[in-house]
């Protein structure tokens, strides 16, 4: 079975990372971060999101990172083919985004340097 490649689409101040385009967010949660490399941040969050929700049948993760006043807003979630517990799934995503240890790792990995761009 062939794997479809992950795609990163940039449109102005927004970056979307996923497999399906246009990205569909049947379930999602949001969190704010300082100014970081959007692509690196999206990849790191997507990996942890998949680890958290891989048992959810029909789940396809998507991450949107938007540049906002002095930082970025992340919407993590994705599409789910079929029925699923929407409220508890959204809570799990929010807990993932709020996890202090993961946030430190994501921020350290996506930190801007003088040579990097968003």
C-alpha atoms as a PDB file:
ATOM      1  CA  UNK A   1       0.000   0.000   0.000  1.00  0.00           C
ATOM      2  CA  UNK A   2       1.531   3.299  -1.094  1.00  0.00           C
ATOM      3  CA  UNK A   3       1.803   6.113   1.430  1.00  0.00           C
ATOM      4  CA  UNK A   4       0.637   9.513   0.283  1.00  0.00           C
ATOM      5  CA  UNK A   5       3.199  12.192   0.999  1.00  0.00           C
ATOM      6  CA  UNK A   6       2.699  14.867   3.612  1.00  0.00           C
ATOM      7  CA  UNK A   7       2.232  18.315   2.099  1.00  0.00           C
ATOM      8  CA  UNK A   8       2.930  21.744   3.448  1.00  0.00           C
ATOM      9  CA  UNK A   9       0.914  24.585   1.930  1.00  0.00           C
ATOM     10  CA  UNK A  10       1.779  28.209   2.648  1.00  0.00           C
ATOM     11  CA  UNK A  11      -0.678  31.017   2.010  1.00  0.00           C
ATOM     12  CA  UNK A  12       0.372  34.395   3.372  1.00  0.00           C
ATOM     13  CA  UNK A  13       0.470  34.207   7.153  1.00  0.00           C
ATOM     14  CA  UNK A  14      -0.917  30.641   7.257  1.00  0.00           C
ATOM     15  CA  UNK A  15       0.775  27.281   6.852  1.00  0.00           C
ATOM     16  CA  UNK A  16      -1.184  24.015   6.677  1.00  0.00           C
ATOM     17  CA  UNK A  17       0.478  20.617   7.039  1.00  0.00           C
ATOM     18  CA  UNK A  18      -1.384  17.424   6.208  1.00  0.00           C
ATOM     19  CA  UNK A  19      -2.106  14.764   3.626  1.00  0.00           C
ATOM     20  CA  UNK A  20      -5.520  15.871   2.408  1.00  0.00           C
ATOM     21  CA  UNK A  21      -6.142  19.220   0.783  1.00  0.00           C
ATOM     22  CA  UNK A  22      -8.078  21.241   1.352  1.00  0.00           C
ATOM     23  CA  UNK A  23      -7.518  20.349   4.995  1.00  0.00           C
ATOM     24  CA  UNK A  24     -10.629  19.377   6.915  1.00  0.00           C
ATOM     25  CA  UNK A  25     -10.927  19.958  10.655  1.00  0.00           C
ATOM     26  CA  UNK A  26     -13.767  17.751  11.931  1.00  0.00           C
ATOM     27  CA  UNK A  27     -12.159  18.066  15.350  1.00  0.00           C
ATOM     28  CA  UNK A  28      -9.529  20.536  16.549  1.00  0.00           C
ATOM     29  CA  UNK A  29      -8.063  22.572  19.383  1.00  0.00           C
ATOM     30  CA  UNK A  30      -5.965  25.741  19.409  1.00  0.00           C
ATOM     31  CA  UNK A  31      -2.993  27.094  21.291  1.00  0.00           C
ATOM     32  CA  UNK A  32      -0.677  30.078  21.004  1.00  0.00           C
ATOM     33  CA  UNK A  33       3.115  29.998  20.851  1.00  0.00           C
ATOM     34  CA  UNK A  34       5.892  32.575  20.556  1.00  0.00           C
ATOM     35  CA  UNK A  35       7.219  33.323  17.064  1.00  0.00           C
ATOM     36  CA  UNK A  36       8.694  30.031  15.791  1.00  0.00           C
ATOM     37  CA  UNK A  37       9.504  28.282  12.520  1.00  0.00           C
ATOM     38  CA  UNK A  38       6.020  27.324  11.430  1.00  0.00           C
ATOM     39  CA  UNK A  39       6.984  24.281   9.361  1.00  0.00           C
ATOM     40  CA  UNK A  40       9.107  22.691  12.083  1.00  0.00           C
ATOM     41  CA  UNK A  41       6.434  23.371  14.694  1.00  0.00           C
ATOM     42  CA  UNK A  42       3.714  21.837  12.499  1.00  0.00           C
ATOM     43  CA  UNK A  43       5.767  18.677  11.878  1.00  0.00           C
ATOM     44  CA  UNK A  44       6.547  18.176  15.566  1.00  0.00           C
ATOM     45  CA  UNK A  45       2.940  18.657  16.662  1.00  0.00           C
ATOM     46  CA  UNK A  46       1.644  16.393  13.887  1.00  0.00           C
ATOM     47  CA  UNK A  47       3.913  13.564  15.041  1.00  0.00           C
ATOM     48  CA  UNK A  48       2.714  13.794  18.634  1.00  0.00           C
ATOM     49  CA  UNK A  49      -0.907  14.225  17.541  1.00  0.00           C
ATOM     50  CA  UNK A  50      -0.674  11.031  15.498  1.00  0.00           C
ATOM     51  CA  UNK A  51       0.850   9.157  18.444  1.00  0.00           C
ATOM     52  CA  UNK A  52      -2.039  10.327  20.617  1.00  0.00           C
ATOM     53  CA  UNK A  53      -4.875   9.567  18.178  1.00  0.00           C
ATOM     54  CA  UNK A  54      -3.594   6.744  15.963  1.00  0.00           C
ATOM     55  CA  UNK A  55      -6.189   4.377  17.446  1.00  0.00           C
ATOM     56  CA  UNK A  56      -9.014   6.662  16.238  1.00  0.00           C
ATOM     57  CA  UNK A  57     -10.272   4.886  13.144  1.00  0.00           C
ATOM     58  CA  UNK A  58     -10.267   7.048  10.015  1.00  0.00           C
ATOM     59  CA  UNK A  59      -8.260   9.891  11.574  1.00  0.00           C
ATOM     60  CA  UNK A  60      -6.059  12.005   9.299  1.00  0.00           C
ATOM     61  CA  UNK A  61      -4.127  14.747  11.138  1.00  0.00           C
ATOM     62  CA  UNK A  62      -3.838  18.321   9.923  1.00  0.00           C
ATOM     63  CA  UNK A  63      -2.026  21.252  11.499  1.00  0.00           C
ATOM     64  CA  UNK A  64      -2.592  24.928  10.728  1.00  0.00           C
ATOM     65  CA  UNK A  65      -0.086  27.520  11.971  1.00  0.00           C
ATOM     66  CA  UNK A  66      -0.970  31.212  11.585  1.00  0.00           C
ATOM     67  CA  UNK A  67       1.288  34.154  12.295  1.00  0.00           C
ATOM     68  CA  UNK A  68      -0.354  36.567  14.712  1.00  0.00           C
ATOM     69  CA  UNK A  69       0.814  39.575  16.752  1.00  0.00           C
ATOM     70  CA  UNK A  70       4.299  38.550  17.884  1.00  0.00           C
ATOM     71  CA  UNK A  71       3.638  34.820  17.780  1.00  0.00           C
ATOM     72  CA  UNK A  72       1.770  31.984  16.118  1.00  0.00           C
ATOM     73  CA  UNK A  73      -1.592  30.316  16.673  1.00  0.00           C
ATOM     74  CA  UNK A  74      -1.726  26.553  16.111  1.00  0.00           C
ATOM     75  CA  UNK A  75      -4.904  24.699  15.211  1.00  0.00           C
ATOM     76  CA  UNK A  76      -4.293  20.966  15.558  1.00  0.00           C
ATOM     77  CA  UNK A  77      -6.799  18.319  14.604  1.00  0.00           C
ATOM     78  CA  UNK A  78      -7.924  16.795  11.371  1.00  0.00           C
ATOM     79  CA  UNK A  79     -10.552  14.792   9.604  1.00  0.00           C
ATOM     80  CA  UNK A  80     -12.229  11.629  10.837  1.00  0.00           C
ATOM     81  CA  UNK A  81     -14.007   9.278   8.464  1.00  0.00           C
ATOM     82  CA  UNK A  82     -16.895   7.918  10.485  1.00  0.00           C
ATOM     83  CA  UNK A  83     -18.401   8.421  13.915  1.00  0.00           C
ATOM     84  CA  UNK A  84     -16.210   9.410  16.838  1.00  0.00           C
ATOM     85  CA  UNK A  85     -16.494  11.017  20.295  1.00  0.00           C
ATOM     86  CA  UNK A  86     -15.951  14.632  19.216  1.00  0.00           C
ATOM     87  CA  UNK A  87     -15.863  16.288  22.637  1.00  0.00           C
ATOM     88  CA  UNK A  88     -13.433  13.853  24.264  1.00  0.00           C
ATOM     89  CA  UNK A  89     -11.243  13.834  21.149  1.00  0.00           C
ATOM     90  CA  UNK A  90     -11.055  17.646  21.183  1.00  0.00           C
ATOM     91  CA  UNK A  91     -10.163  17.473  24.892  1.00  0.00           C
ATOM     92  CA  UNK A  92      -7.328  15.023  24.143  1.00  0.00           C
ATOM     93  CA  UNK A  93      -5.965  17.358  21.466  1.00  0.00           C
ATOM     94  CA  UNK A  94      -6.152  20.339  23.830  1.00  0.00           C
ATOM     95  CA  UNK A  95      -4.332  18.367  26.540  1.00  0.00           C
ATOM     96  CA  UNK A  96      -1.619  17.515  24.021  1.00  0.00           C
ATOM     97  CA  UNK A  97      -1.200  21.174  23.035  1.00  0.00           C
ATOM     98  CA  UNK A  98      -1.091  22.235  26.694  1.00  0.00           C
ATOM     99  CA  UNK A  99       1.436  19.575  27.806  1.00  0.00           C
ATOM    100  CA  UNK A 100       4.386  21.567  29.256  1.00  0.00           C
ATOM    101  CA  UNK A 101       7.066  18.990  28.379  1.00  0.00           C
ATOM    102  CA  UNK A 102       5.912  18.706  24.773  1.00  0.00           C
ATOM    103  CA  UNK A 103       5.667  22.481  24.417  1.00  0.00           C
ATOM    104  CA  UNK A 104       9.276  22.897  25.583  1.00  0.00           C
ATOM    105  CA  UNK A 105      10.432  20.273  23.059  1.00  0.00           C
ATOM    106  CA  UNK A 106       8.408  21.822  20.229  1.00  0.00           C
ATOM    107  CA  UNK A 107       9.642  25.338  21.025  1.00  0.00           C
ATOM    108  CA  UNK A 108      13.279  24.237  21.268  1.00  0.00           C
ATOM    109  CA  UNK A 109      13.003  22.373  17.963  1.00  0.00           C
ATOM    110  CA  UNK A 110      11.278  25.212  16.089  1.00  0.00           C
ATOM    111  CA  UNK A 111      13.116  28.172  17.606  1.00  0.00           C
ATOM    112  CA  UNK A 112      14.010  30.955  15.201  1.00  0.00           C
ATOM    113  CA  UNK A 113      17.656  31.769  14.651  1.00  0.00           C
ATOM    114  CA  UNK A 114      19.223  34.579  12.660  1.00  0.00           C
ATOM    115  CA  UNK A 115      19.561  32.317   9.606  1.00  0.00           C
ATOM    116  CA  UNK A 116      16.047  30.781   9.641  1.00  0.00           C
ATOM    117  CA  UNK A 117      12.782  31.989   8.250  1.00  0.00           C
ATOM    118  CA  UNK A 118       9.250  31.285   9.397  1.00  0.00           C
END
